[in-house]
Amino acid sequence: VIDESTGRLRPITRWQGGIHQAVEAKEGVSIKQETQPTAQITFQVFFKFYDKLAGMTGTAAPAAAEFYELYALKVVQVPTNRPSARVDLPARLYFDSG
């Protein structure tokens, strides 16, 4: 199984509802019995088990209210070391005539 958001392999993850076994049968590999989860927990509840939380991301500012509401964490924006050298140009579209 490949993670949709990262594109990385997730070797432990299996599809449920017999889908994984159907793919195993189609691909001609040994079919493993479906497993049932014994417990589930959301990330929000899992993170609350820890006394201290910290992290770094380039996308937290738009979700600052959610971080505060869920975890009572403030989001701090750290300025870049140097001004951005990126030049934003207008979009260019290429059409296929075929």
PDB file of N, CA and C in Angstrom:
ATOM      1  N   VAL A   1       0.855  -1.173   0.000  1.00  0.00           N
ATOM      2  CA  VAL A   1       0.000   0.000   0.000  1.00  0.00           C
ATOM      3  C   VAL A   1       0.897   1.231   0.000  1.00  0.00           C
ATOM      4  N   ILE A   2       0.527   2.220  -0.782  1.00  0.00           N
ATOM      5  CA  ILE A   2       1.282   3.473  -0.855  1.00  0.00           C
ATOM      6  C   ILE A   2       0.462   4.578  -0.207  1.00  0.00           C
ATOM      7  N   ASP A   3       1.092   5.348   0.666  1.00  0.00           N
ATOM      8  CA  ASP A   3       0.422   6.455   1.339  1.00  0.00           C
ATOM      9  C   ASP A   3       0.033   7.523   0.328  1.00  0.00           C
ATOM     10  N   GLU A   4      -1.232   7.929   0.348  1.00  0.00           N
ATOM     11  CA  GLU A   4      -1.733   8.904  -0.629  1.00  0.00           C
ATOM     12  C   GLU A   4      -1.080  10.275  -0.479  1.00  0.00           C
ATOM     13  N   SER A   5      -0.788  10.676   0.741  1.00  0.00           N
ATOM     14  CA  SER A   5      -0.266  12.026   0.944  1.00  0.00           C
ATOM     15  C   SER A   5       1.247  12.131   0.785  1.00  0.00           C
ATOM     16  N   THR A   6       1.989  11.043   1.090  1.00  0.00           N
ATOM     17  CA  THR A   6       3.451  11.125   1.002  1.00  0.00           C
ATOM     18  C   THR A   6       4.026  10.392  -0.200  1.00  0.00           C
ATOM     19  N   GLY A   7       3.286   9.429  -0.755  1.00  0.00           N
ATOM     20  CA  GLY A   7       3.806   8.642  -1.862  1.00  0.00           C
ATOM     21  C   GLY A   7       4.772   7.560  -1.427  1.00  0.00           C
ATOM     22  N   ARG A   8       4.886   7.337  -0.122  1.00  0.00           N
ATOM     23  CA  ARG A   8       5.818   6.327   0.398  1.00  0.00           C
ATOM     24  C   ARG A   8       5.100   5.009   0.650  1.00  0.00           C
ATOM     25  N   LEU A   9       5.871   3.925   0.588  1.00  0.00           N
ATOM     26  CA  LEU A   9       5.320   2.601   0.881  1.00  0.00           C
ATOM     27  C   LEU A   9       4.935   2.496   2.346  1.00  0.00           C
ATOM     28  N   ARG A  10       3.833   1.801   2.610  1.00  0.00           N
ATOM     29  CA  ARG A  10       3.392   1.521   3.976  1.00  0.00           C
ATOM     30  C   ARG A  10       3.246   0.010   4.093  1.00  0.00           C
ATOM     31  N   PRO A  11       4.359  -0.693   4.345  1.00  0.00           N
ATOM     32  CA  PRO A  11       4.338  -2.157   4.303  1.00  0.00           C
ATOM     33  C   PRO A  11       3.429  -2.811   5.354  1.00  0.00           C
ATOM     34  N   ILE A  12       3.143  -2.153   6.458  1.00  0.00           N
ATOM     35  CA  ILE A  12       2.323  -2.746   7.507  1.00  0.00           C
ATOM     36  C   ILE A  12       0.835  -2.549   7.218  1.00  0.00           C
ATOM     37  N   THR A  13       0.485  -1.523   6.466  1.00  0.00           N
ATOM     38  CA  THR A  13      -0.917  -1.197   6.196  1.00  0.00           C
ATOM     39  C   THR A  13      -1.531  -2.189   5.209  1.00  0.00           C
ATOM     40  N   ARG A  14      -2.771  -2.586   5.513  1.00  0.00           N
ATOM     41  CA  ARG A  14      -3.517  -3.476   4.621  1.00  0.00           C
ATOM     42  C   ARG A  14      -4.909  -2.902   4.416  1.00  0.00           C
ATOM     43  N   TRP A  15      -5.462  -3.062   3.215  1.00  0.00           N
ATOM     44  CA  TRP A  15      -6.822  -2.622   2.945  1.00  0.00           C
ATOM     45  C   TRP A  15      -7.785  -3.549   3.666  1.00  0.00           C
ATOM     46  N   GLN A  16      -8.958  -3.055   3.983  1.00  0.00           N
ATOM     47  CA  GLN A  16      -9.947  -3.845   4.710  1.00  0.00           C
ATOM     48  C   GLN A  16     -11.086  -4.276   3.797  1.00  0.00           C
ATOM     49  N   GLY A  17     -11.952  -5.086   4.346  1.00  0.00           N
ATOM     50  CA  GLY A  17     -13.144  -5.515   3.619  1.00  0.00           C
ATOM     51  C   GLY A  17     -12.865  -6.512   2.513  1.00  0.00           C
ATOM     52  N   GLY A  18     -11.755  -7.255   2.617  1.00  0.00           N
ATOM     53  CA  GLY A  18     -11.432  -8.258   1.609  1.00  0.00           C
ATOM     54  C   GLY A  18     -10.737  -7.714   0.379  1.00  0.00           C
ATOM     55  N   ILE A  19     -10.568  -6.400   0.307  1.00  0.00           N
ATOM     56  CA  ILE A  19      -9.921  -5.801  -0.871  1.00  0.00           C
ATOM     57  C   ILE A  19      -8.469  -6.253  -0.977  1.00  0.00           C
ATOM     58  N   HIS A  20      -7.753  -6.257   0.159  1.00  0.00           N
ATOM     59  CA  HIS A  20      -6.338  -6.641   0.124  1.00  0.00           C
ATOM     60  C   HIS A  20      -6.195  -8.096  -0.323  1.00  0.00           C
ATOM     61  N   GLN A  21      -7.073  -8.975   0.165  1.00  0.00           N
ATOM     62  CA  GLN A  21      -7.012 -10.376  -0.223  1.00  0.00           C
ATOM     63  C   GLN A  21      -7.330 -10.545  -1.706  1.00  0.00           C
ATOM     64  N   ALA A  22      -8.248  -9.743  -2.235  1.00  0.00           N
ATOM     65  CA  ALA A  22      -8.571  -9.808  -3.662  1.00  0.00           C
ATOM     66  C   ALA A  22      -7.373  -9.402  -4.509  1.00  0.00           C
ATOM     67  N   VAL A  23      -6.660  -8.380  -4.093  1.00  0.00           N
ATOM     68  CA  VAL A  23      -5.464  -7.936  -4.827  1.00  0.00           C
ATOM     69  C   VAL A  23      -4.383  -9.009  -4.733  1.00  0.00           C
ATOM     70  N   GLU A  24      -4.215  -9.608  -3.544  1.00  0.00           N
ATOM     71  CA  GLU A  24      -3.222 -10.685  -3.395  1.00  0.00           C
ATOM     72  C   GLU A  24      -3.564 -11.854  -4.327  1.00  0.00           C
ATOM     73  N   ALA A  25      -4.845 -12.213  -4.427  1.00  0.00           N
ATOM     74  CA  ALA A  25      -5.255 -13.306  -5.316  1.00  0.00           C
ATOM     75  C   ALA A  25      -4.988 -12.946  -6.768  1.00  0.00           C
ATOM     76  N   LYS A  26      -5.313 -11.709  -7.156  1.00  0.00           N
ATOM     77  CA  LYS A  26      -5.096 -11.259  -8.537  1.00  0.00           C
ATOM     78  C   LYS A  26      -3.615 -11.290  -8.898  1.00  0.00           C
ATOM     79  N   GLU A  27      -2.772 -10.898  -7.942  1.00  0.00           N
ATOM     80  CA  GLU A  27      -1.332 -10.850  -8.206  1.00  0.00           C
ATOM     81  C   GLU A  27      -0.639 -12.197  -8.032  1.00  0.00           C
ATOM     82  N   GLY A  28      -1.372 -13.219  -7.587  1.00  0.00           N
ATOM     83  CA  GLY A  28      -0.805 -14.557  -7.472  1.00  0.00           C
ATOM     84  C   GLY A  28       0.152 -14.736  -6.310  1.00  0.00           C
ATOM     85  N   VAL A  29      -0.004 -13.943  -5.260  1.00  0.00           N
ATOM     86  CA  VAL A  29       0.833 -14.107  -4.064  1.00  0.00           C
ATOM     87  C   VAL A  29       0.013 -14.793  -2.984  1.00  0.00           C
ATOM     88  N   SER A  30       0.689 -15.255  -1.928  1.00  0.00           N
ATOM     89  CA  SER A  30      -0.035 -15.944  -0.861  1.00  0.00           C
ATOM     90  C   SER A  30      -1.013 -14.976  -0.188  1.00  0.00           C
ATOM     91  N   ILE A  31      -2.222 -15.479   0.058  1.00  0.00           N
ATOM     92  CA  ILE A  31      -3.284 -14.656   0.631  1.00  0.00           C
ATOM     93  C   ILE A  31      -3.216 -14.758   2.147  1.00  0.00           C
ATOM     94  N   LYS A  32      -3.107 -13.596   2.793  1.00  0.00           N
ATOM     95  CA  LYS A  32      -3.044 -13.546   4.250  1.00  0.00           C
ATOM     96  C   LYS A  32      -4.423 -13.202   4.791  1.00  0.00           C
ATOM     97  N   GLN A  33      -4.732 -13.755   5.952  1.00  0.00           N
ATOM     98  CA  GLN A  33      -6.033 -13.524   6.575  1.00  0.00           C
ATOM     99  C   GLN A  33      -6.177 -12.060   6.972  1.00  0.00           C
ATOM    100  N   GLU A  34      -7.395 -11.541   6.854  1.00  0.00           N
ATOM    101  CA  GLU A  34      -7.664 -10.152   7.220  1.00  0.00           C
ATOM    102  C   GLU A  34      -7.564  -9.989   8.733  1.00  0.00           C
ATOM    103  N   THR A  35      -6.957  -8.904   9.161  1.00  0.00           N
ATOM    104  CA  THR A  35      -6.837  -8.618  10.584  1.00  0.00           C
ATOM    105  C   THR A  35      -7.869  -7.569  10.980  1.00  0.00           C
ATOM    106  N   GLN A  36      -8.254  -7.594  12.233  1.00  0.00           N
ATOM    107  CA  GLN A  36      -9.210  -6.624  12.748  1.00  0.00           C
ATOM    108  C   GLN A  36      -8.501  -5.729  13.764  1.00  0.00           C
ATOM    109  N   PRO A  37      -8.692  -4.415  13.654  1.00  0.00           N
ATOM    110  CA  PRO A  37      -8.078  -3.540  14.657  1.00  0.00           C
ATOM    111  C   PRO A  37      -8.712  -3.781  16.020  1.00  0.00           C
ATOM    112  N   THR A  38      -7.883  -3.766  17.066  1.00  0.00           N
ATOM    113  CA  THR A  38      -8.402  -3.968  18.415  1.00  0.00           C
ATOM    114  C   THR A  38      -8.722  -2.643  19.090  1.00  0.00           C
ATOM    115  N   ALA A  39      -8.122  -1.573  18.614  1.00  0.00           N
ATOM    116  CA  ALA A  39      -8.391  -0.254  19.185  1.00  0.00           C
ATOM    117  C   ALA A  39      -8.050   0.802  18.150  1.00  0.00           C
ATOM    118  N   GLN A  40      -8.708   1.938  18.259  1.00  0.00           N
ATOM    119  CA  GLN A  40      -8.412   3.061  17.381  1.00  0.00           C
ATOM    120  C   GLN A  40      -8.338   4.318  18.217  1.00  0.00           C
ATOM    121  N   ILE A  41      -7.484   5.233  17.790  1.00  0.00           N
ATOM    122  CA  ILE A  41      -7.342   6.492  18.494  1.00  0.00           C
ATOM    123  C   ILE A  41      -6.998   7.572  17.465  1.00  0.00           C
ATOM    124  N   THR A  42      -7.517   8.752  17.653  1.00  0.00           N
ATOM    125  CA  THR A  42      -7.190   9.839  16.730  1.00  0.00           C
ATOM    126  C   THR A  42      -5.857  10.455  17.132  1.00  0.00           C
ATOM    127  N   PHE A  43      -5.216  11.130  16.199  1.00  0.00           N
ATOM    128  CA  PHE A  43      -3.966  11.811  16.518  1.00  0.00           C
ATOM    129  C   PHE A  43      -4.187  12.838  17.627  1.00  0.00           C
ATOM    130  N   GLN A  44      -5.319  13.548  17.577  1.00  0.00           N
ATOM    131  CA  GLN A  44      -5.584  14.579  18.566  1.00  0.00           C
ATOM    132  C   GLN A  44      -5.587  14.000  19.980  1.00  0.00           C
ATOM    133  N   VAL A  45      -6.248  12.863  20.172  1.00  0.00           N
ATOM    134  CA  VAL A  45      -6.300  12.241  21.494  1.00  0.00           C
ATOM    135  C   VAL A  45      -4.939  11.655  21.853  1.00  0.00           C
ATOM    136  N   PHE A  46      -4.269  11.040  20.894  1.00  0.00           N
ATOM    137  CA  PHE A  46      -2.950  10.458  21.139  1.00  0.00           C
ATOM    138  C   PHE A  46      -1.957  11.509  21.611  1.00  0.00           C
ATOM    139  N   PHE A  47      -1.948  12.666  20.964  1.00  0.00           N
ATOM    140  CA  PHE A  47      -1.010  13.720  21.338  1.00  0.00           C
ATOM    141  C   PHE A  47      -1.283  14.269  22.729  1.00  0.00           C
ATOM    142  N   LYS A  48      -2.510  14.182  23.197  1.00  0.00           N
ATOM    143  CA  LYS A  48      -2.840  14.695  24.529  1.00  0.00           C
ATOM    144  C   LYS A  48      -2.243  13.848  25.647  1.00  0.00           C
ATOM    145  N   PHE A  49      -1.720  12.670  25.323  1.00  0.00           N
ATOM    146  CA  PHE A  49      -1.050  11.843  26.329  1.00  0.00           C
ATOM    147  C   PHE A  49       0.315  12.413  26.714  1.00  0.00           C
ATOM    148  N   TYR A  50       0.845  13.325  25.923  1.00  0.00           N
ATOM    149  CA  TYR A  50       2.165  13.885  26.165  1.00  0.00           C
ATOM    150  C   TYR A  50       2.060  15.226  26.879  1.00  0.00           C
ATOM    151  N   ASP A  51       2.957  15.454  27.835  1.00  0.00           N
ATOM    152  CA  ASP A  51       2.972  16.719  28.574  1.00  0.00           C
ATOM    153  C   ASP A  51       3.465  17.871  27.710  1.00  0.00           C
ATOM    154  N   LYS A  52       4.419  17.588  26.828  1.00  0.00           N
ATOM    155  CA  LYS A  52       5.004  18.639  25.999  1.00  0.00           C
ATOM    156  C   LYS A  52       4.889  18.262  24.531  1.00  0.00           C
ATOM    157  N   LEU A  53       4.509  19.231  23.718  1.00  0.00           N
ATOM    158  CA  LEU A  53       4.431  19.040  22.278  1.00  0.00           C
ATOM    159  C   LEU A  53       5.207  20.151  21.599  1.00  0.00           C
ATOM    160  N   ALA A  54       5.897  19.805  20.546  1.00  0.00           N
ATOM    161  CA  ALA A  54       6.622  20.796  19.748  1.00  0.00           C
ATOM    162  C   ALA A  54       6.746  20.264  18.341  1.00  0.00           C
ATOM    163  N   GLY A  55       6.969  21.152  17.412  1.00  0.00           N
ATOM    164  CA  GLY A  55       7.134  20.721  16.043  1.00  0.00           C
ATOM    165  C   GLY A  55       7.481  21.885  15.149  1.00  0.00           C
ATOM    166  N   MET A  56       7.800  21.570  13.910  1.00  0.00           N
ATOM    167  CA  MET A  56       8.141  22.608  12.956  1.00  0.00           C
ATOM    168  C   MET A  56       7.559  22.223  11.602  1.00  0.00           C
ATOM    169  N   THR A  57       6.920  23.180  10.963  1.00  0.00           N
ATOM    170  CA  THR A  57       6.343  22.953   9.655  1.00  0.00           C
ATOM    171  C   THR A  57       6.218  24.283   8.935  1.00  0.00           C
ATOM    172  N   GLY A  58       6.114  24.225   7.655  1.00  0.00           N
ATOM    173  CA  GLY A  58       5.920  25.441   6.884  1.00  0.00           C
ATOM    174  C   GLY A  58       4.461  25.748   6.633  1.00  0.00           C
ATOM    175  N   THR A  59       3.556  24.930   7.182  1.00  0.00           N
ATOM    176  CA  THR A  59       2.134  25.098   6.870  1.00  0.00           C
ATOM    177  C   THR A  59       1.260  25.241   8.104  1.00  0.00           C
ATOM    178  N   ALA A  60       1.808  25.562   9.266  1.00  0.00           N
ATOM    179  CA  ALA A  60       1.021  25.627  10.494  1.00  0.00           C
ATOM    180  C   ALA A  60       0.250  26.935  10.647  1.00  0.00           C
ATOM    181  N   ALA A  61       0.728  28.020  10.061  1.00  0.00           N
ATOM    182  CA  ALA A  61       0.090  29.323  10.277  1.00  0.00           C
ATOM    183  C   ALA A  61      -1.401  29.325   9.917  1.00  0.00           C
ATOM    184  N   PRO A  62      -1.825  28.763   8.787  1.00  0.00           N
ATOM    185  CA  PRO A  62      -3.263  28.772   8.488  1.00  0.00           C
ATOM    186  C   PRO A  62      -4.095  27.959   9.487  1.00  0.00           C
ATOM    187  N   ALA A  63      -3.474  27.006  10.182  1.00  0.00           N
ATOM    188  CA  ALA A  63      -4.192  26.163  11.134  1.00  0.00           C
ATOM    189  C   ALA A  63      -3.930  26.568  12.579  1.00  0.00           C
ATOM    190  N   ALA A  64      -3.466  27.789  12.800  1.00  0.00           N
ATOM    191  CA  ALA A  64      -3.103  28.237  14.144  1.00  0.00           C
ATOM    192  C   ALA A  64      -4.278  28.131  15.113  1.00  0.00           C
ATOM    193  N   ALA A  65      -5.468  28.498  14.694  1.00  0.00           N
ATOM    194  CA  ALA A  65      -6.635  28.426  15.581  1.00  0.00           C
ATOM    195  C   ALA A  65      -6.930  26.988  15.977  1.00  0.00           C
ATOM    196  N   GLU A  66      -6.782  26.062  15.035  1.00  0.00           N
ATOM    197  CA  GLU A  66      -7.027  24.648  15.327  1.00  0.00           C
ATOM    198  C   GLU A  66      -5.993  24.100  16.312  1.00  0.00           C
ATOM    199  N   PHE A  67      -4.726  24.468  16.122  1.00  0.00           N
ATOM    200  CA  PHE A  67      -3.690  24.020  17.060  1.00  0.00           C
ATOM    201  C   PHE A  67      -3.987  24.527  18.467  1.00  0.00           C
ATOM    202  N   TYR A  68      -4.449  25.754  18.579  1.00  0.00           N
ATOM    203  CA  TYR A  68      -4.745  26.307  19.894  1.00  0.00           C
ATOM    204  C   TYR A  68      -5.974  25.639  20.501  1.00  0.00           C
ATOM    205  N   GLU A  69      -7.000  25.420  19.683  1.00  0.00           N
ATOM    206  CA  GLU A  69      -8.234  24.814  20.173  1.00  0.00           C
ATOM    207  C   GLU A  69      -8.011  23.375  20.631  1.00  0.00           C
ATOM    208  N   LEU A  70      -7.266  22.600  19.845  1.00  0.00           N
ATOM    209  CA  LEU A  70      -7.079  21.182  20.161  1.00  0.00           C
ATOM    210  C   LEU A  70      -6.017  20.929  21.220  1.00  0.00           C
ATOM    211  N   TYR A  71      -4.900  21.644  21.125  1.00  0.00           N
ATOM    212  CA  TYR A  71      -3.742  21.336  21.967  1.00  0.00           C
ATOM    213  C   TYR A  71      -3.317  22.474  22.878  1.00  0.00           C
ATOM    214  N   ALA A  72      -4.001  23.605  22.828  1.00  0.00           N
ATOM    215  CA  ALA A  72      -3.609  24.804  23.579  1.00  0.00           C
ATOM    216  C   ALA A  72      -2.177  25.213  23.225  1.00  0.00           C
ATOM    217  N   LEU A  73      -1.825  25.075  21.952  1.00  0.00           N
ATOM    218  CA  LEU A  73      -0.495  25.438  21.465  1.00  0.00           C
ATOM    219  C   LEU A  73      -0.579  26.695  20.612  1.00  0.00           C
ATOM    220  N   LYS A  74       0.361  27.581  20.821  1.00  0.00           N
ATOM    221  CA  LYS A  74       0.451  28.769  19.983  1.00  0.00           C
ATOM    222  C   LYS A  74       1.365  28.469  18.804  1.00  0.00           C
ATOM    223  N   VAL A  75       1.055  29.042  17.666  1.00  0.00           N
ATOM    224  CA  VAL A  75       1.884  28.902  16.479  1.00  0.00           C
ATOM    225  C   VAL A  75       2.716  30.169  16.353  1.00  0.00           C
ATOM    226  N   VAL A  76       4.018  29.990  16.236  1.00  0.00           N
ATOM    227  CA  VAL A  76       4.943  31.121  16.112  1.00  0.00           C
ATOM    228  C   VAL A  76       5.596  31.047  14.746  1.00  0.00           C
ATOM    229  N   GLN A  77       5.506  32.122  13.991  1.00  0.00           N
ATOM    230  CA  GLN A  77       6.168  32.161  12.694  1.00  0.00           C
ATOM    231  C   GLN A  77       7.590  32.674  12.872  1.00  0.00           C
ATOM    232  N   VAL A  78       8.542  31.899  12.371  1.00  0.00           N
ATOM    233  CA  VAL A  78       9.949  32.286  12.427  1.00  0.00           C
ATOM    234  C   VAL A  78      10.302  32.890  11.076  1.00  0.00           C
ATOM    235  N   PRO A  79      10.800  34.129  11.058  1.00  0.00           N
ATOM    236  CA  PRO A  79      11.121  34.749   9.771  1.00  0.00           C
ATOM    237  C   PRO A  79      12.287  34.039   9.087  1.00  0.00           C
ATOM    238  N   THR A  80      12.310  34.138   7.780  1.00  0.00           N
ATOM    239  CA  THR A  80      13.408  33.530   7.036  1.00  0.00           C
ATOM    240  C   THR A  80      14.710  34.262   7.314  1.00  0.00           C
ATOM    241  N   ASN A  81      15.802  33.574   7.124  1.00  0.00           N
ATOM    242  CA  ASN A  81      17.116  34.162   7.364  1.00  0.00           C
ATOM    243  C   ASN A  81      17.441  35.225   6.316  1.00  0.00           C
ATOM    244  N   ARG A  82      16.994  34.990   5.105  1.00  0.00           N
ATOM    245  CA  ARG A  82      17.245  35.913   3.999  1.00  0.00           C
ATOM    246  C   ARG A  82      15.937  36.170   3.262  1.00  0.00           C
ATOM    247  N   PRO A  83      15.836  37.283   2.581  1.00  0.00           N
ATOM    248  CA  PRO A  83      14.634  37.514   1.783  1.00  0.00           C
ATOM    249  C   PRO A  83      14.493  36.448   0.695  1.00  0.00           C
ATOM    250  N   SER A  84      13.265  36.154   0.341  1.00  0.00           N
ATOM    251  CA  SER A  84      13.000  35.153  -0.686  1.00  0.00           C
ATOM    252  C   SER A  84      13.558  35.615  -2.031  1.00  0.00           C
ATOM    253  N   ALA A  85      14.237  34.715  -2.719  1.00  0.00           N
ATOM    254  CA  ALA A  85      14.799  35.019  -4.035  1.00  0.00           C
ATOM    255  C   ALA A  85      13.850  34.592  -5.153  1.00  0.00           C
ATOM    256  N   ARG A  86      12.722  34.013  -4.786  1.00  0.00           N
ATOM    257  CA  ARG A  86      11.779  33.515  -5.781  1.00  0.00           C
ATOM    258  C   ARG A  86      11.126  34.675  -6.539  1.00  0.00           C
ATOM    259  N   VAL A  87      10.998  34.504  -7.828  1.00  0.00           N
ATOM    260  CA  VAL A  87      10.315  35.480  -8.666  1.00  0.00           C
ATOM    261  C   VAL A  87       9.033  34.814  -9.168  1.00  0.00           C
ATOM    262  N   ASP A  88       7.888  35.357  -8.774  1.00  0.00           N
ATOM    263  CA  ASP A  88       6.613  34.799  -9.212  1.00  0.00           C
ATOM    264  C   ASP A  88       6.274  35.340 -10.592  1.00  0.00           C
ATOM    265  N   LEU A  89       6.183  34.443 -11.555  1.00  0.00           N
ATOM    266  CA  LEU A  89       5.856  34.800 -12.931  1.00  0.00           C
ATOM    267  C   LEU A  89       4.420  34.400 -13.216  1.00  0.00           C
ATOM    268  N   PRO A  90       3.800  35.012 -14.206  1.00  0.00           N
ATOM    269  CA  PRO A  90       2.444  34.601 -14.557  1.00  0.00           C
ATOM    270  C   PRO A  90       2.430  33.160 -15.068  1.00  0.00           C
ATOM    271  N   ALA A  91       1.295  32.494 -14.876  1.00  0.00           N
ATOM    272  CA  ALA A  91       1.155  31.106 -15.320  1.00  0.00           C
ATOM    273  C   ALA A  91       1.230  31.023 -16.841  1.00  0.00           C
ATOM    274  N   ARG A  92       1.860  29.947 -17.328  1.00  0.00           N
ATOM    275  CA  ARG A  92       1.912  29.715 -18.777  1.00  0.00           C
ATOM    276  C   ARG A  92       1.176  28.419 -19.063  1.00  0.00           C
ATOM    277  N   LEU A  93       0.288  28.441 -20.029  1.00  0.00           N
ATOM    278  CA  LEU A  93      -0.490  27.266 -20.395  1.00  0.00           C
ATOM    279  C   LEU A  93      -0.018  26.711 -21.719  1.00  0.00           C
ATOM    280  N   TYR A  94       0.079  25.402 -21.811  1.00  0.00           N
ATOM    281  CA  TYR A  94       0.476  24.731 -23.054  1.00  0.00           C
ATOM    282  C   TYR A  94      -0.648  23.800 -23.456  1.00  0.00           C
ATOM    283  N   PHE A  95      -1.111  23.956 -24.668  1.00  0.00           N
ATOM    284  CA  PHE A  95      -2.221  23.147 -25.146  1.00  0.00           C
ATOM    285  C   PHE A  95      -1.718  22.116 -26.160  1.00  0.00           C
ATOM    286  N   ASP A  96      -2.304  20.936 -26.077  1.00  0.00           N
ATOM    287  CA  ASP A  96      -1.976  19.873 -27.011  1.00  0.00           C
ATOM    288  C   ASP A  96      -2.960  19.969 -28.163  1.00  0.00           C
ATOM    289  N   SER A  97      -2.430  20.126 -29.376  1.00  0.00           N
ATOM    290  CA  SER A  97      -3.302  20.288 -30.535  1.00  0.00           C
ATOM    291  C   SER A  97      -3.794  18.944 -31.071  1.00  0.00           C
ATOM    292  N   GLY A  98      -3.316  17.843 -30.491  1.00  0.00           N
ATOM    293  CA  GLY A  98      -3.677  16.522 -31.004  1.00  0.00           C
ATOM    294  C   GLY A  98      -4.865  16.010 -30.403  1.00  0.00           C
TER     295      GLY A  98
END
